[in-house]
PDB file of N, CA and C in Angstrom:
ATOM      1  N   MET A   1       2.819  -1.587 -19.596  1.00  0.00           N
ATOM      2  CA  MET A   1       2.926  -0.902 -18.314  1.00  0.00           C
ATOM      3  C   MET A   1       1.588  -0.331 -17.848  1.00  0.00           C
ATOM      4  N   GLY A   2       0.604  -0.332 -18.699  1.00  0.00           N
ATOM      5  CA  GLY A   2      -0.696   0.169 -18.305  1.00  0.00           C
ATOM      6  C   GLY A   2      -1.280  -0.589 -17.133  1.00  0.00           C
ATOM      7  N   ASP A   3      -1.016  -1.901 -17.100  1.00  0.00           N
ATOM      8  CA  ASP A   3      -1.537  -2.701 -16.001  1.00  0.00           C
ATOM      9  C   ASP A   3      -0.954  -2.267 -14.666  1.00  0.00           C
ATOM     10  N   VAL A   4       0.333  -1.955 -14.648  1.00  0.00           N
ATOM     11  CA  VAL A   4       0.983  -1.498 -13.414  1.00  0.00           C
ATOM     12  C   VAL A   4       0.356  -0.186 -12.964  1.00  0.00           C
ATOM     13  N   GLN A   5       0.205   0.742 -13.877  1.00  0.00           N
ATOM     14  CA  GLN A   5      -0.371   2.042 -13.522  1.00  0.00           C
ATOM     15  C   GLN A   5      -1.818   1.907 -13.080  1.00  0.00           C
ATOM     16  N   THR A   6      -2.569   1.032 -13.731  1.00  0.00           N
ATOM     17  CA  THR A   6      -3.964   0.796 -13.347  1.00  0.00           C
ATOM     18  C   THR A   6      -4.032   0.220 -11.941  1.00  0.00           C
ATOM     19  N   PHE A   7      -3.169  -0.773 -11.668  1.00  0.00           N
ATOM     20  CA  PHE A   7      -3.151  -1.375 -10.336  1.00  0.00           C
ATOM     21  C   PHE A   7      -2.758  -0.339  -9.286  1.00  0.00           C
ATOM     22  N   ARG A   8      -1.736   0.455  -9.570  1.00  0.00           N
ATOM     23  CA  ARG A   8      -1.294   1.462  -8.582  1.00  0.00           C
ATOM     24  C   ARG A   8      -2.391   2.461  -8.282  1.00  0.00           C
ATOM     25  N   LYS A   9      -3.122   2.889  -9.303  1.00  0.00           N
ATOM     26  CA  LYS A   9      -4.225   3.838  -9.071  1.00  0.00           C
ATOM     27  C   LYS A   9      -5.305   3.180  -8.207  1.00  0.00           C
ATOM     28  N   GLU A  10      -5.632   1.924  -8.506  1.00  0.00           N
ATOM     29  CA  GLU A  10      -6.626   1.199  -7.708  1.00  0.00           C
ATOM     30  C   GLU A  10      -6.158   1.057  -6.263  1.00  0.00           C
ATOM     31  N   LEU A  11      -4.885   0.706  -6.069  1.00  0.00           N
ATOM     32  CA  LEU A  11      -4.354   0.553  -4.723  1.00  0.00           C
ATOM     33  C   LEU A  11      -4.374   1.879  -3.970  1.00  0.00           C
ATOM     34  N   LYS A  12      -4.025   2.957  -4.630  1.00  0.00           N
ATOM     35  CA  LYS A  12      -4.072   4.275  -3.990  1.00  0.00           C
ATOM     36  C   LYS A  12      -5.489   4.599  -3.528  1.00  0.00           C
ATOM     37  N   GLU A  13      -6.455   4.339  -4.392  1.00  0.00           N
ATOM     38  CA  GLU A  13      -7.846   4.604  -4.026  1.00  0.00           C
ATOM     39  C   GLU A  13      -8.288   3.712  -2.871  1.00  0.00           C
ATOM     40  N   ASN A  14      -7.852   2.455  -2.877  1.00  0.00           N
ATOM     41  CA  ASN A  14      -8.179   1.550  -1.777  1.00  0.00           C
ATOM     42  C   ASN A  14      -7.553   2.016  -0.466  1.00  0.00           C
ATOM     43  N   LEU A  15      -6.302   2.443  -0.515  1.00  0.00           N
ATOM     44  CA  LEU A  15      -5.640   2.937   0.700  1.00  0.00           C
ATOM     45  C   LEU A  15      -6.373   4.152   1.263  1.00  0.00           C
ATOM     46  N   ILE A  16      -6.756   5.057   0.395  1.00  0.00           N
ATOM     47  CA  ILE A  16      -7.492   6.243   0.835  1.00  0.00           C
ATOM     48  C   ILE A  16      -8.790   5.830   1.531  1.00  0.00           C
ATOM     49  N   ASP A  17      -9.488   4.876   0.952  1.00  0.00           N
ATOM     50  CA  ASP A  17     -10.744   4.400   1.524  1.00  0.00           C
ATOM     51  C   ASP A  17     -10.506   3.658   2.836  1.00  0.00           C
ATOM     52  N   TRP A  18      -9.618   2.661   2.837  1.00  0.00           N
ATOM     53  CA  TRP A  18      -9.408   1.818   4.007  1.00  0.00           C
ATOM     54  C   TRP A  18      -8.781   2.558   5.174  1.00  0.00           C
ATOM     55  N   LEU A  19      -7.875   3.493   4.868  1.00  0.00           N
ATOM     56  CA  LEU A  19      -7.206   4.237   5.938  1.00  0.00           C
ATOM     57  C   LEU A  19      -7.926   5.542   6.262  1.00  0.00           C
ATOM     58  N   GLN A  20      -9.028   5.788   5.585  1.00  0.00           N
ATOM     59  CA  GLN A  20      -9.845   6.978   5.774  1.00  0.00           C
ATOM     60  C   GLN A  20      -9.023   8.263   5.645  1.00  0.00           C
ATOM     61  N   LEU A  21      -8.279   8.339   4.561  1.00  0.00           N
ATOM     62  CA  LEU A  21      -7.459   9.523   4.270  1.00  0.00           C
ATOM     63  C   LEU A  21      -8.300  10.497   3.446  1.00  0.00           C
ATOM     64  N   MET A  22      -9.341  10.998   4.055  1.00  0.00           N
ATOM     65  CA  MET A  22     -10.339  11.782   3.342  1.00  0.00           C
ATOM     66  C   MET A  22      -9.792  13.082   2.740  1.00  0.00           C
ATOM     67  N   ASP A  23      -8.641  13.545   3.224  1.00  0.00           N
ATOM     68  CA  ASP A  23      -8.061  14.770   2.693  1.00  0.00           C
ATOM     69  C   ASP A  23      -7.094  14.497   1.546  1.00  0.00           C
ATOM     70  N   LYS A  24      -7.024  13.241   1.076  1.00  0.00           N
ATOM     71  CA  LYS A  24      -6.098  12.850   0.006  1.00  0.00           C
ATOM     72  C   LYS A  24      -6.857  12.351  -1.214  1.00  0.00           C
ATOM     73  N   THR A  25      -6.221  12.485  -2.358  1.00  0.00           N
ATOM     74  CA  THR A  25      -6.706  11.873  -3.597  1.00  0.00           C
ATOM     75  C   THR A  25      -5.599  10.953  -4.103  1.00  0.00           C
ATOM     76  N   ALA A  26      -5.927  10.109  -5.070  1.00  0.00           N
ATOM     77  CA  ALA A  26      -4.915   9.204  -5.635  1.00  0.00           C
ATOM     78  C   ALA A  26      -3.735   9.994  -6.189  1.00  0.00           C
ATOM     79  N   ASP A  27      -3.998  11.167  -6.759  1.00  0.00           N
ATOM     80  CA  ASP A  27      -2.919  11.992  -7.310  1.00  0.00           C
ATOM     81  C   ASP A  27      -2.001  12.558  -6.229  1.00  0.00           C
ATOM     82  N   ASP A  28      -2.490  12.634  -4.995  1.00  0.00           N
ATOM     83  CA  ASP A  28      -1.672  13.136  -3.886  1.00  0.00           C
ATOM     84  C   ASP A  28      -0.619  12.123  -3.437  1.00  0.00           C
ATOM     85  N   ILE A  29      -0.842  10.854  -3.737  1.00  0.00           N
ATOM     86  CA  ILE A  29       0.083   9.801  -3.304  1.00  0.00           C
ATOM     87  C   ILE A  29       1.100   9.577  -4.420  1.00  0.00           C
ATOM     88  N   LYS A  30       2.306   9.988  -4.169  1.00  0.00           N
ATOM     89  CA  LYS A  30       3.384   9.859  -5.157  1.00  0.00           C
ATOM     90  C   LYS A  30       4.064   8.501  -5.001  1.00  0.00           C
ATOM     91  N   ASP A  31       4.378   7.872  -6.118  1.00  0.00           N
ATOM     92  CA  ASP A  31       4.927   6.511  -6.098  1.00  0.00           C
ATOM     93  C   ASP A  31       6.200   6.379  -5.269  1.00  0.00           C
ATOM     94  N   GLU A  32       7.091   7.339  -5.354  1.00  0.00           N
ATOM     95  CA  GLU A  32       8.385   7.235  -4.670  1.00  0.00           C
ATOM     96  C   GLU A  32       8.420   7.954  -3.322  1.00  0.00           C
ATOM     97  N   GLU A  33       7.280   8.433  -2.880  1.00  0.00           N
ATOM     98  CA  GLU A  33       7.184   9.124  -1.600  1.00  0.00           C
ATOM     99  C   GLU A  33       7.119   8.115  -0.449  1.00  0.00           C
ATOM    100  N   PRO A  34       7.804   8.385   0.659  1.00  0.00           N
ATOM    101  CA  PRO A  34       7.693   7.490   1.818  1.00  0.00           C
ATOM    102  C   PRO A  34       6.242   7.405   2.303  1.00  0.00           C
ATOM    103  N   LEU A  35       5.865   6.238   2.786  1.00  0.00           N
ATOM    104  CA  LEU A  35       4.509   6.074   3.312  1.00  0.00           C
ATOM    105  C   LEU A  35       4.384   6.632   4.723  1.00  0.00           C
ATOM    106  N   PHE A  36       5.471   6.547   5.493  1.00  0.00           N
ATOM    107  CA  PHE A  36       5.415   6.902   6.905  1.00  0.00           C
ATOM    108  C   PHE A  36       6.199   8.180   7.187  1.00  0.00           C
ATOM    109  N   LYS A  37       5.826   8.813   8.278  1.00  0.00           N
ATOM    110  CA  LYS A  37       6.432  10.049   8.769  1.00  0.00           C
ATOM    111  C   LYS A  37       6.318  11.165   7.746  1.00  0.00           C
ATOM    112  N   GLU A  38       7.441  11.630   7.184  1.00  0.00           N
ATOM    113  CA  GLU A  38       7.426  12.846   6.366  1.00  0.00           C
ATOM    114  C   GLU A  38       6.703  12.703   5.036  1.00  0.00           C
ATOM    115  N   GLY A  39       6.523  11.499   4.551  1.00  0.00           N
ATOM    116  CA  GLY A  39       5.855  11.299   3.271  1.00  0.00           C
ATOM    117  C   GLY A  39       4.356  11.422   3.391  1.00  0.00           C
ATOM    118  N   LEU A  40       3.683  10.308   3.279  1.00  0.00           N
ATOM    119  CA  LEU A  40       2.227  10.290   3.360  1.00  0.00           C
ATOM    120  C   LEU A  40       1.743  10.506   4.789  1.00  0.00           C
ATOM    121  N   GLY A  41       2.640  10.288   5.751  1.00  0.00           N
ATOM    122  CA  GLY A  41       2.310  10.570   7.142  1.00  0.00           C
ATOM    123  C   GLY A  41       1.594   9.450   7.870  1.00  0.00           C
ATOM    124  N   LEU A  42       1.731   8.222   7.389  1.00  0.00           N
ATOM    125  CA  LEU A  42       1.077   7.103   8.047  1.00  0.00           C
ATOM    126  C   LEU A  42       1.811   6.732   9.332  1.00  0.00           C
ATOM    127  N   ASP A  43       1.137   5.950  10.193  1.00  0.00           N
ATOM    128  CA  ASP A  43       1.751   5.518  11.451  1.00  0.00           C
ATOM    129  C   ASP A  43       1.649   3.998  11.574  1.00  0.00           C
ATOM    130  N   SER A  44       2.055   3.455  12.718  1.00  0.00           N
ATOM    131  CA  SER A  44       2.105   2.005  12.898  1.00  0.00           C
ATOM    132  C   SER A  44       0.716   1.359  12.836  1.00  0.00           C
ATOM    133  N   LEU A  45      -0.302   2.064  13.280  1.00  0.00           N
ATOM    134  CA  LEU A  45      -1.660   1.517  13.171  1.00  0.00           C
ATOM    135  C   LEU A  45      -2.088   1.408  11.710  1.00  0.00           C
ATOM    136  N   ASP A  46      -1.663   2.368  10.916  1.00  0.00           N
ATOM    137  CA  ASP A  46      -1.947   2.296   9.481  1.00  0.00           C
ATOM    138  C   ASP A  46      -1.241   1.098   8.860  1.00  0.00           C
ATOM    139  N   ALA A  47      -0.026   0.794   9.326  1.00  0.00           N
ATOM    140  CA  ALA A  47       0.706  -0.364   8.812  1.00  0.00           C
ATOM    141  C   ALA A  47      -0.065  -1.649   9.080  1.00  0.00           C
ATOM    142  N   VAL A  48      -0.640  -1.756  10.268  1.00  0.00           N
ATOM    143  CA  VAL A  48      -1.442  -2.933  10.612  1.00  0.00           C
ATOM    144  C   VAL A  48      -2.642  -3.029   9.669  1.00  0.00           C
ATOM    145  N   GLU A  49      -3.290  -1.913   9.419  1.00  0.00           N
ATOM    146  CA  GLU A  49      -4.434  -1.893   8.502  1.00  0.00           C
ATOM    147  C   GLU A  49      -4.021  -2.320   7.096  1.00  0.00           C
ATOM    148  N   ILE A  50      -2.853  -1.884   6.662  1.00  0.00           N
ATOM    149  CA  ILE A  50      -2.365  -2.262   5.329  1.00  0.00           C
ATOM    150  C   ILE A  50      -2.119  -3.768   5.262  1.00  0.00           C
ATOM    151  N   VAL A  51      -1.550  -4.337   6.317  1.00  0.00           N
ATOM    152  CA  VAL A  51      -1.306  -5.783   6.345  1.00  0.00           C
ATOM    153  C   VAL A  51      -2.634  -6.537   6.263  1.00  0.00           C
ATOM    154  N   ILE A  52      -3.639  -6.075   6.998  1.00  0.00           N
ATOM    155  CA  ILE A  52      -4.963  -6.703   6.952  1.00  0.00           C
ATOM    156  C   ILE A  52      -5.551  -6.592   5.551  1.00  0.00           C
ATOM    157  N   LEU A  53      -5.404  -5.437   4.940  1.00  0.00           N
ATOM    158  CA  LEU A  53      -5.857  -5.215   3.570  1.00  0.00           C
ATOM    159  C   LEU A  53      -5.167  -6.185   2.617  1.00  0.00           C
ATOM    160  N   MET A  54      -3.874  -6.366   2.783  1.00  0.00           N
ATOM    161  CA  MET A  54      -3.123  -7.259   1.911  1.00  0.00           C
ATOM    162  C   MET A  54      -3.638  -8.694   2.046  1.00  0.00           C
ATOM    163  N   GLN A  55      -4.005  -9.080   3.250  1.00  0.00           N
ATOM    164  CA  GLN A  55      -4.539 -10.431   3.479  1.00  0.00           C
ATOM    165  C   GLN A  55      -5.921 -10.588   2.849  1.00  0.00           C
ATOM    166  N   ARG A  56      -6.802  -9.670   3.155  1.00  0.00           N
ATOM    167  CA  ARG A  56      -8.201  -9.795   2.740  1.00  0.00           C
ATOM    168  C   ARG A  56      -8.410  -9.552   1.248  1.00  0.00           C
ATOM    169  N   LYS A  57      -7.845  -8.493   0.750  1.00  0.00           N
ATOM    170  CA  LYS A  57      -8.105  -8.083  -0.639  1.00  0.00           C
ATOM    171  C   LYS A  57      -7.223  -8.818  -1.640  1.00  0.00           C
ATOM    172  N   TYR A  58      -5.967  -9.080  -1.251  1.00  0.00           N
ATOM    173  CA  TYR A  58      -5.010  -9.604  -2.218  1.00  0.00           C
ATOM    174  C   TYR A  58      -4.502 -11.001  -1.883  1.00  0.00           C
ATOM    175  N   GLY A  59      -4.958 -11.589  -0.772  1.00  0.00           N
ATOM    176  CA  GLY A  59      -4.606 -12.959  -0.435  1.00  0.00           C
ATOM    177  C   GLY A  59      -3.156 -13.177  -0.036  1.00  0.00           C
ATOM    178  N   ILE A  60      -2.500 -12.149   0.457  1.00  0.00           N
ATOM    179  CA  ILE A  60      -1.106 -12.275   0.867  1.00  0.00           C
ATOM    180  C   ILE A  60      -1.058 -12.647   2.348  1.00  0.00           C
ATOM    181  N   PRO A  61      -0.494 -13.817   2.686  1.00  0.00           N
ATOM    182  CA  PRO A  61      -0.439 -14.215   4.093  1.00  0.00           C
ATOM    183  C   PRO A  61       0.454 -13.292   4.918  1.00  0.00           C
ATOM    184  N   GLN A  62       0.088 -13.131   6.180  1.00  0.00           N
ATOM    185  CA  GLN A  62       0.868 -12.267   7.070  1.00  0.00           C
ATOM    186  C   GLN A  62       2.320 -12.715   7.143  1.00  0.00           C
ATOM    187  N   SER A  63       2.554 -14.025   7.051  1.00  0.00           N
ATOM    188  CA  SER A  63       3.921 -14.541   7.130  1.00  0.00           C
ATOM    189  C   SER A  63       4.807 -14.016   5.997  1.00  0.00           C
ATOM    190  N   GLU A  64       4.203 -13.626   4.871  1.00  0.00           N
ATOM    191  CA  GLU A  64       4.969 -13.059   3.757  1.00  0.00           C
ATOM    192  C   GLU A  64       5.425 -11.631   4.053  1.00  0.00           C
ATOM    193  N   VAL A  65       4.759 -10.988   4.990  1.00  0.00           N
ATOM    194  CA  VAL A  65       5.008  -9.573   5.272  1.00  0.00           C
ATOM    195  C   VAL A  65       5.874  -9.376   6.514  1.00  0.00           C
ATOM    196  N   GLU A  66       5.801 -10.313   7.457  1.00  0.00           N
ATOM    197  CA  GLU A  66       6.502 -10.164   8.727  1.00  0.00           C
ATOM    198  C   GLU A  66       7.998  -9.924   8.524  1.00  0.00           C
ATOM    199  N   ASN A  67       8.514  -8.975   9.279  1.00  0.00           N
ATOM    200  CA  ASN A  67       9.940  -8.638   9.292  1.00  0.00           C
ATOM    201  C   ASN A  67      10.457  -8.169   7.940  1.00  0.00           C
ATOM    202  N   LYS A  68       9.594  -7.597   7.135  1.00  0.00           N
ATOM    203  CA  LYS A  68       9.995  -7.073   5.824  1.00  0.00           C
ATOM    204  C   LYS A  68       9.624  -5.597   5.735  1.00  0.00           C
ATOM    205  N   ARG A  69      10.267  -4.808   6.555  1.00  0.00           N
ATOM    206  CA  ARG A  69       9.960  -3.377   6.609  1.00  0.00           C
ATOM    207  C   ARG A  69      10.176  -2.671   5.282  1.00  0.00           C
ATOM    208  N   GLU A  70      11.083  -3.193   4.458  1.00  0.00           N
ATOM    209  CA  GLU A  70      11.397  -2.557   3.182  1.00  0.00           C
ATOM    210  C   GLU A  70      10.173  -2.498   2.257  1.00  0.00           C
ATOM    211  N   ILE A  71       9.211  -3.392   2.468  1.00  0.00           N
ATOM    212  CA  ILE A  71       7.980  -3.379   1.680  1.00  0.00           C
ATOM    213  C   ILE A  71       7.271  -2.033   1.829  1.00  0.00           C
ATOM    214  N   PHE A  72       7.365  -1.451   2.999  1.00  0.00           N
ATOM    215  CA  PHE A  72       6.634  -0.235   3.335  1.00  0.00           C
ATOM    216  C   PHE A  72       7.436   1.050   3.145  1.00  0.00           C
ATOM    217  N   ALA A  73       8.569   0.966   2.469  1.00  0.00           N
ATOM    218  CA  ALA A  73       9.429   2.149   2.298  1.00  0.00           C
ATOM    219  C   ALA A  73       8.716   3.256   1.520  1.00  0.00           C
ATOM    220  N   THR A  74       8.149   2.906   0.381  1.00  0.00           N
ATOM    221  CA  THR A  74       7.438   3.874  -0.453  1.00  0.00           C
ATOM    222  C   THR A  74       6.159   3.226  -0.974  1.00  0.00           C
ATOM    223  N   PHE A  75       5.322   4.027  -1.564  1.00  0.00           N
ATOM    224  CA  PHE A  75       4.125   3.457  -2.171  1.00  0.00           C
ATOM    225  C   PHE A  75       4.512   2.471  -3.263  1.00  0.00           C
ATOM    226  N   ALA A  76       5.526   2.800  -4.065  1.00  0.00           N
ATOM    227  CA  ALA A  76       5.943   1.928  -5.163  1.00  0.00           C
ATOM    228  C   ALA A  76       6.425   0.570  -4.657  1.00  0.00           C
ATOM    229  N   THR A  77       7.194   0.542  -3.566  1.00  0.00           N
ATOM    230  CA  THR A  77       7.666  -0.748  -3.050  1.00  0.00           C
ATOM    231  C   THR A  77       6.496  -1.586  -2.543  1.00  0.00           C
ATOM    232  N   LEU A  78       5.524  -0.938  -1.927  1.00  0.00           N
ATOM    233  CA  LEU A  78       4.335  -1.644  -1.457  1.00  0.00           C
ATOM    234  C   LEU A  78       3.545  -2.199  -2.639  1.00  0.00           C
ATOM    235  N   ALA A  79       3.290  -1.375  -3.633  1.00  0.00           N
ATOM    236  CA  ALA A  79       2.515  -1.798  -4.801  1.00  0.00           C
ATOM    237  C   ALA A  79       3.221  -2.931  -5.545  1.00  0.00           C
ATOM    238  N   ASP A  80       4.523  -2.819  -5.715  1.00  0.00           N
ATOM    239  CA  ASP A  80       5.274  -3.855  -6.424  1.00  0.00           C
ATOM    240  C   ASP A  80       5.229  -5.176  -5.659  1.00  0.00           C
ATOM    241  N   PHE A  81       5.346  -5.119  -4.330  1.00  0.00           N
ATOM    242  CA  PHE A  81       5.284  -6.326  -3.513  1.00  0.00           C
ATOM    243  C   PHE A  81       3.922  -6.993  -3.651  1.00  0.00           C
ATOM    244  N   ILE A  82       2.868  -6.202  -3.563  1.00  0.00           N
ATOM    245  CA  ILE A  82       1.521  -6.763  -3.656  1.00  0.00           C
ATOM    246  C   ILE A  82       1.302  -7.381  -5.037  1.00  0.00           C
ATOM    247  N   MET A  83       1.705  -6.693  -6.095  1.00  0.00           N
ATOM    248  CA  MET A  83       1.531  -7.232  -7.442  1.00  0.00           C
ATOM    249  C   MET A  83       2.271  -8.552  -7.614  1.00  0.00           C
ATOM    250  N   ALA A  84       3.458  -8.659  -7.044  1.00  0.00           N
ATOM    251  CA  ALA A  84       4.275  -9.859  -7.219  1.00  0.00           C
ATOM    252  C   ALA A  84       3.790 -11.034  -6.363  1.00  0.00           C
ATOM    253  N   ASN A  85       3.068 -10.756  -5.277  1.00  0.00           N
ATOM    254  CA  ASN A  85       2.716 -11.804  -4.322  1.00  0.00           C
ATOM    255  C   ASN A  85       1.224 -12.071  -4.163  1.00  0.00           C
ATOM    256  N   ARG A  86       0.395 -11.336  -4.862  1.00  0.00           N
ATOM    257  CA  ARG A  86      -1.041 -11.490  -4.691  1.00  0.00           C
ATOM    258  C   ARG A  86      -1.517 -12.841  -5.202  1.00  0.00           C
ATOM    259  N   THR A  87      -2.533 -13.369  -4.514  1.00  0.00           N
ATOM    260  CA  THR A  87      -3.146 -14.621  -4.946  1.00  0.00           C
ATOM    261  C   THR A  87      -4.601 -14.410  -5.337  1.00  0.00           C
ATOM    262  N   LYS A  88      -5.109 -13.215  -5.124  1.00  0.00           N
ATOM    263  CA  LYS A  88      -6.496 -12.875  -5.495  1.00  0.00           C
ATOM    264  C   LYS A  88      -6.487 -11.798  -6.555  1.00  0.00           C
TER     265      LYS A  88
END
């Protein structure tokens, strides 16, 4: 399970960098916390940035993400999806 935790920490740090969440640390992002609204507080523009990140960094085509809102429910669902579908 170390690999999962290592990947999640890396992804949290990448999200902080890419989304410019300068007031957050990796420890602030809880695995089961919602990404949007009351959780991490992300918005629809952040979702677009995450999709671009998934394409560029992890090789996940946009077609794999379209109409799959459940991917973005929590940080854990996002991380698990990326780990299962990454090509890079």
